[in-house]
C-alpha atoms as a PDB file:
ATOM      1  CA  MET A   1     -12.163  85.148 132.076  1.00  0.00           C
ATOM      2  CA  LYS A   2     -10.611  83.050 134.734  1.00  0.00           C
ATOM      3  CA  ARG A   3     -10.118  84.330 138.244  1.00  0.00           C
ATOM      4  CA  GLN A   4      -6.312  84.174 137.871  1.00  0.00           C
ATOM      5  CA  GLU A   5      -6.441  86.314 134.734  1.00  0.00           C
ATOM      6  CA  LEU A   6      -8.565  88.934 136.502  1.00  0.00           C
ATOM      7  CA  GLU A   7      -6.196  88.993 139.480  1.00  0.00           C
ATOM      8  CA  GLU A   8      -3.260  89.486 137.100  1.00  0.00           C
ATOM      9  CA  ILE A   9      -5.012  92.401 135.396  1.00  0.00           C
ATOM     10  CA  VAL A  10      -5.722  94.020 138.774  1.00  0.00           C
ATOM     11  CA  LYS A  11      -2.042  93.633 139.739  1.00  0.00           C
ATOM     12  CA  GLN A  12      -0.961  95.198 136.448  1.00  0.00           C
ATOM     13  CA  ASP A  13      -3.377  98.106 136.931  1.00  0.00           C
ATOM     14  CA  LYS A  14      -1.981  98.734 140.417  1.00  0.00           C
ATOM     15  CA  ALA A  15       1.563  98.591 139.063  1.00  0.00           C
ATOM     16  CA  VAL A  16       0.698 101.176 136.404  1.00  0.00           C
ATOM     17  CA  GLU A  17      -0.854 103.448 139.062  1.00  0.00           C
ATOM     18  CA  VAL A  18       2.274 103.244 141.215  1.00  0.00           C
ATOM     19  CA  PHE A  19       4.465 103.936 138.182  1.00  0.00           C
ATOM     20  CA  GLU A  20       2.390 106.935 137.109  1.00  0.00           C
ATOM     21  CA  ALA A  21       2.330 108.333 140.649  1.00  0.00           C
ATOM     22  CA  GLY A  22       6.119 108.106 141.049  1.00  0.00           C
ATOM     23  CA  ILE A  23       7.574 108.769 137.607  1.00  0.00           C
ATOM     24  CA  ALA A  24       7.717 112.563 138.026  1.00  0.00           C
ATOM     25  CA  ASP A  25       9.575 112.217 141.329  1.00  0.00           C
ATOM     26  CA  ALA A  26      11.931 109.613 139.889  1.00  0.00           C
ATOM     27  CA  LEU A  27      12.893 111.900 137.004  1.00  0.00           C
ATOM     28  CA  THR A  28      13.319 115.095 139.049  1.00  0.00           C
ATOM     29  CA  TYR A  29      17.086 114.828 138.688  1.00  0.00           C
ATOM     30  CA  LEU A  30      16.648 115.702 134.997  1.00  0.00           C
ATOM     31  CA  ASP A  31      15.687 119.252 136.048  1.00  0.00           C
ATOM     32  CA  PHE A  32      19.329 119.803 137.040  1.00  0.00           C
ATOM     33  CA  PRO A  33      22.403 120.300 134.814  1.00  0.00           C
ATOM     34  CA  ARG A  34      23.660 117.185 133.046  1.00  0.00           C
ATOM     35  CA  GLY A  35      26.951 117.333 134.962  1.00  0.00           C
ATOM     36  CA  HIS A  36      25.041 116.755 138.211  1.00  0.00           C
ATOM     37  CA  HIS A  37      22.938 113.803 137.036  1.00  0.00           C
ATOM     38  CA  SER A  38      25.390 111.092 138.033  1.00  0.00           C
ATOM     39  CA  ARG A  39      25.585 112.491 141.583  1.00  0.00           C
ATOM     40  CA  ILE A  40      21.919 113.131 142.320  1.00  0.00           C
ATOM     41  CA  ARG A  41      20.062 110.355 140.511  1.00  0.00           C
ATOM     42  CA  THR A  42      21.062 107.807 143.121  1.00  0.00           C
ATOM     43  CA  THR A  43      21.111 107.663 146.898  1.00  0.00           C
ATOM     44  CA  LYS A  44      24.614 106.198 147.120  1.00  0.00           C
ATOM     45  CA  GLY A  45      25.934 109.116 149.165  1.00  0.00           C
ATOM     46  CA  LEU A  46      23.139 108.802 151.674  1.00  0.00           C
ATOM     47  CA  GLU A  47      23.584 105.038 151.830  1.00  0.00           C
ATOM     48  CA  ARG A  48      27.307 105.506 152.542  1.00  0.00           C
ATOM     49  CA  LEU A  49      26.449 107.909 155.370  1.00  0.00           C
ATOM     50  CA  PHE A  50      24.043 105.401 156.934  1.00  0.00           C
ATOM     51  CA  GLU A  51      26.627 102.612 156.635  1.00  0.00           C
ATOM     52  CA  GLU A  52      29.239 104.780 158.374  1.00  0.00           C
ATOM     53  CA  ILE A  53      26.789 105.559 161.192  1.00  0.00           C
ATOM     54  CA  LYS A  54      25.984 101.847 161.558  1.00  0.00           C
ATOM     55  CA  ARG A  55      29.669 100.978 161.651  1.00  0.00           C
ATOM     56  CA  ARG A  56      30.395 103.561 164.336  1.00  0.00           C
ATOM     57  CA  THR A  57      27.421 102.605 166.506  1.00  0.00           C
ATOM     58  CA  ARG A  58      28.344  98.910 166.345  1.00  0.00           C
ATOM     59  CA  VAL A  59      31.784  99.744 167.721  1.00  0.00           C
ATOM     60  CA  VAL A  60      30.233 101.411 170.761  1.00  0.00           C
ATOM     61  CA  GLY A  61      27.681  98.656 171.241  1.00  0.00           C
ATOM     62  CA  VAL A  62      25.386  99.924 173.991  1.00  0.00           C
ATOM     63  CA  PHE A  63      24.885 103.630 174.526  1.00  0.00           C
ATOM     64  CA  PRO A  64      24.316 104.974 178.041  1.00  0.00           C
ATOM     65  CA  ASP A  65      21.486 107.199 176.838  1.00  0.00           C
ATOM     66  CA  GLU A  66      19.824 108.614 173.738  1.00  0.00           C
ATOM     67  CA  THR A  67      21.833 111.832 173.928  1.00  0.00           C
ATOM     68  CA  SER A  68      25.140 110.006 173.451  1.00  0.00           C
ATOM     69  CA  LEU A  69      23.745 108.189 170.405  1.00  0.00           C
ATOM     70  CA  ILE A  70      22.581 111.490 168.902  1.00  0.00           C
ATOM     71  CA  ALA A  71      25.960 113.083 169.628  1.00  0.00           C
ATOM     72  CA  LEU A  72      27.855 110.314 167.832  1.00  0.00           C
ATOM     73  CA  THR A  73      25.462 110.314 164.881  1.00  0.00           C
ATOM     74  CA  THR A  74      25.668 114.093 164.550  1.00  0.00           C
ATOM     75  CA  THR A  75      29.467 114.011 164.698  1.00  0.00           C
ATOM     76  CA  VAL A  76      29.632 111.406 161.938  1.00  0.00           C
ATOM     77  CA  ALA A  77      27.166 113.355 159.782  1.00  0.00           C
ATOM     78  CA  ILE A  78      29.125 116.601 160.230  1.00  0.00           C
ATOM     79  CA  ARG A  79      32.414 114.882 159.347  1.00  0.00           C
ATOM     80  CA  VAL A  80      30.943 113.376 156.189  1.00  0.00           C
ATOM     81  CA  THR A  81      29.392 116.718 155.229  1.00  0.00           C
ATOM     82  CA  GLU A  82      32.786 118.413 155.598  1.00  0.00           C
ATOM     83  CA  GLU A  83      34.373 115.763 153.374  1.00  0.00           C
ATOM     84  CA  TRP A  84      31.708 116.313 150.717  1.00  0.00           C
ATOM     85  CA  ALA A  85      32.218 120.078 150.904  1.00  0.00           C
ATOM     86  CA  LEU A  86      35.978 119.717 150.411  1.00  0.00           C
ATOM     87  CA  ARG A  87      35.579 117.384 147.430  1.00  0.00           C
ATOM     88  CA  ARG A  88      33.171 119.723 145.644  1.00  0.00           C
ATOM     89  CA  TYR A  89      30.580 117.037 145.330  1.00  0.00           C
ATOM     90  CA  LEU A  90      28.594 119.181 142.873  1.00  0.00           C
ATOM     91  CA  GLU A  91      29.959 121.874 140.595  1.00  0.00           C
ATOM     92  CA  MET A  92      27.951 124.916 141.658  1.00  0.00           C
ATOM     93  CA  GLY A  93      28.925 126.895 138.554  1.00  0.00           C
ATOM     94  CA  LEU A  94      26.894 124.463 136.452  1.00  0.00           C
ATOM     95  CA  LEU A  95      23.880 124.947 138.706  1.00  0.00           C
ATOM     96  CA  GLU A  96      24.146 128.746 138.602  1.00  0.00           C
ATOM     97  CA  ALA A  97      24.392 128.746 134.792  1.00  0.00           C
ATOM     98  CA  HIS A  98      21.443 126.342 134.589  1.00  0.00           C
ATOM     99  CA  GLU A  99      19.345 128.635 136.811  1.00  0.00           C
ATOM    100  CA  LYS A 100      20.174 131.657 134.628  1.00  0.00           C
ATOM    101  CA  VAL A 101      19.021 129.777 131.545  1.00  0.00           C
ATOM    102  CA  GLN A 102      15.811 128.730 133.300  1.00  0.00           C
ATOM    103  CA  VAL A 103      15.073 132.314 134.412  1.00  0.00           C
ATOM    104  CA  GLY A 104      15.763 133.605 130.915  1.00  0.00           C
ATOM    105  CA  ALA A 105      13.490 130.965 129.386  1.00  0.00           C
ATOM    106  CA  SER A 106      10.629 131.783 131.772  1.00  0.00           C
ATOM    107  CA  GLN A 107      10.976 135.518 131.051  1.00  0.00           C
ATOM    108  CA  PHE A 108      10.963 134.793 127.318  1.00  0.00           C
ATOM    109  CA  THR A 109       7.792 132.705 127.722  1.00  0.00           C
ATOM    110  CA  LYS A 110       6.063 135.506 129.650  1.00  0.00           C
ATOM    111  CA  LEU A 111       6.991 138.077 127.015  1.00  0.00           C
ATOM    112  CA  SER A 112       5.906 135.879 124.127  1.00  0.00           C
ATOM    113  CA  ARG A 113       2.435 135.404 125.676  1.00  0.00           C
ATOM    114  CA  ARG A 114       1.726 139.147 125.670  1.00  0.00           C
END
């Protein structure tokens, strides 16, 4: 085999290792009710929060000290959290029903093993 072919195989092996190491984490959102999937499978909400913090800090420009930066960032985060709470970002009834089903399934599994 040529050196280039060997290097390509090594790269592919590393890619497979990375994929295998991260696939479980990437699919964690599937453990939640289907109605929540569209909200939790991406980081769009978090990205919007970071963009809002960037926008606000650019307006101020230079902060007198670290405490003032933390105060502004905390205020923005609290405001966004309140907005999410008012919009009912996730339907908690779905999550509660999903948890009941999971508990029932685990109890059934325990009983069936006896």
